[in-house]
Amino acid sequence: MLHQGVRTQTRPPVGAVRGTPPSLRPCCDSYVCPVCEQVVELTDFRQVVWHQRPGHQPMEMND
């Protein structure tokens, strides 16, 4: 057993990248909400919290 090398994983597991919904991947500053289809800016905490609620309506934006 000592003559066998230690197996290391050179790539992340297939499910690690593909299993994460695109809306949760840390690559962007915004995503499209899958419930109400509104663009959510991740830099705005109010928008993030609003879109975490199940069955929500699109958030009214105050300009």
C-alpha atoms as a PDB file:
ATOM      1  CA  MET A   1       0.000   0.000   0.000  1.00  0.00           C
ATOM      2  CA  LEU A   2       2.841   2.408   0.612  1.00  0.00           C
ATOM      3  CA  HIS A   3       3.970   2.115  -2.988  1.00  0.00           C
ATOM      4  CA  GLN A   4       0.697   3.613  -4.245  1.00  0.00           C
ATOM      5  CA  GLY A   5       0.588   7.359  -4.685  1.00  0.00           C
ATOM      6  CA  VAL A   6      -1.988   9.457  -2.940  1.00  0.00           C
ATOM      7  CA  ARG A   7      -4.814  10.237  -5.312  1.00  0.00           C
ATOM      8  CA  THR A   8      -5.557  13.910  -5.561  1.00  0.00           C
ATOM      9  CA  GLN A   9      -8.405  15.460  -7.393  1.00  0.00           C
ATOM     10  CA  THR A  10      -7.244  17.845 -10.105  1.00  0.00           C
ATOM     11  CA  ARG A  11     -10.698  19.145 -11.021  1.00  0.00           C
ATOM     12  CA  PRO A  12     -13.670  20.065  -8.833  1.00  0.00           C
ATOM     13  CA  PRO A  13     -16.421  17.444  -8.710  1.00  0.00           C
ATOM     14  CA  VAL A  14     -18.856  17.707 -11.604  1.00  0.00           C
ATOM     15  CA  GLY A  15     -21.779  18.439  -9.282  1.00  0.00           C
ATOM     16  CA  ALA A  16     -19.916  21.243  -7.515  1.00  0.00           C
ATOM     17  CA  VAL A  17     -20.214  23.654 -10.430  1.00  0.00           C
ATOM     18  CA  ARG A  18     -23.222  22.337 -12.289  1.00  0.00           C
ATOM     19  CA  GLY A  19     -25.261  21.803  -9.120  1.00  0.00           C
ATOM     20  CA  THR A  20     -25.139  25.488  -8.195  1.00  0.00           C
ATOM     21  CA  PRO A  21     -27.898  27.531  -9.827  1.00  0.00           C
ATOM     22  CA  PRO A  22     -26.530  30.337 -12.022  1.00  0.00           C
ATOM     23  CA  SER A  23     -28.276  32.890  -9.810  1.00  0.00           C
ATOM     24  CA  LEU A  24     -26.081  31.910  -6.846  1.00  0.00           C
ATOM     25  CA  ARG A  25     -22.682  31.721  -8.520  1.00  0.00           C
ATOM     26  CA  PRO A  26     -20.335  34.488  -7.317  1.00  0.00           C
ATOM     27  CA  CYS A  27     -19.574  35.913 -10.761  1.00  0.00           C
ATOM     28  CA  CYS A  28     -21.894  38.843 -11.195  1.00  0.00           C
ATOM     29  CA  ASP A  29     -23.354  41.876  -9.437  1.00  0.00           C
ATOM     30  CA  SER A  30     -26.898  40.943 -10.436  1.00  0.00           C
ATOM     31  CA  TYR A  31     -29.119  38.013 -11.372  1.00  0.00           C
ATOM     32  CA  VAL A  32     -32.618  37.397 -12.672  1.00  0.00           C
ATOM     33  CA  CYS A  33     -34.981  36.193  -9.968  1.00  0.00           C
ATOM     34  CA  PRO A  34     -36.454  32.815 -10.961  1.00  0.00           C
ATOM     35  CA  VAL A  35     -39.749  33.591  -9.154  1.00  0.00           C
ATOM     36  CA  CYS A  36     -40.689  37.050 -10.494  1.00  0.00           C
ATOM     37  CA  GLU A  37     -38.122  37.424 -13.328  1.00  0.00           C
ATOM     38  CA  GLN A  38     -36.932  40.810 -12.024  1.00  0.00           C
ATOM     39  CA  VAL A  39     -33.243  41.735 -12.136  1.00  0.00           C
ATOM     40  CA  VAL A  40     -31.818  41.719  -8.592  1.00  0.00           C
ATOM     41  CA  GLU A  41     -28.801  43.879  -7.792  1.00  0.00           C
ATOM     42  CA  LEU A  42     -26.666  41.997  -5.272  1.00  0.00           C
ATOM     43  CA  THR A  43     -25.222  45.284  -4.027  1.00  0.00           C
ATOM     44  CA  ASP A  44     -28.669  46.324  -2.695  1.00  0.00           C
ATOM     45  CA  PHE A  45     -29.465  44.423   0.509  1.00  0.00           C
ATOM     46  CA  ARG A  46     -33.177  45.304   0.337  1.00  0.00           C
ATOM     47  CA  GLN A  47     -33.508  43.657  -3.076  1.00  0.00           C
ATOM     48  CA  VAL A  48     -31.655  40.539  -1.970  1.00  0.00           C
ATOM     49  CA  VAL A  49     -33.869  40.072   1.110  1.00  0.00           C
ATOM     50  CA  TRP A  50     -37.071  40.772  -0.850  1.00  0.00           C
ATOM     51  CA  HIS A  51     -36.289  38.134  -3.470  1.00  0.00           C
ATOM     52  CA  GLN A  52     -35.526  35.466  -0.855  1.00  0.00           C
ATOM     53  CA  ARG A  53     -39.203  35.252   0.125  1.00  0.00           C
ATOM     54  CA  PRO A  54     -41.090  32.398  -1.574  1.00  0.00           C
ATOM     55  CA  GLY A  55     -43.926  33.442  -3.880  1.00  0.00           C
ATOM     56  CA  HIS A  56     -43.069  37.171  -3.826  1.00  0.00           C
ATOM     57  CA  GLN A  57     -44.166  39.781  -6.354  1.00  0.00           C
ATOM     58  CA  PRO A  58     -41.677  42.017  -8.230  1.00  0.00           C
ATOM     59  CA  MET A  59     -40.264  44.734  -5.987  1.00  0.00           C
ATOM     60  CA  GLU A  60     -41.439  48.292  -6.663  1.00  0.00           C
ATOM     61  CA  MET A  61     -38.394  50.368  -7.428  1.00  0.00           C
ATOM     62  CA  ASN A  62     -38.257  53.927  -6.053  1.00  0.00           C
ATOM     63  CA  ASP A  63     -36.148  56.117  -8.313  1.00  0.00           C
END
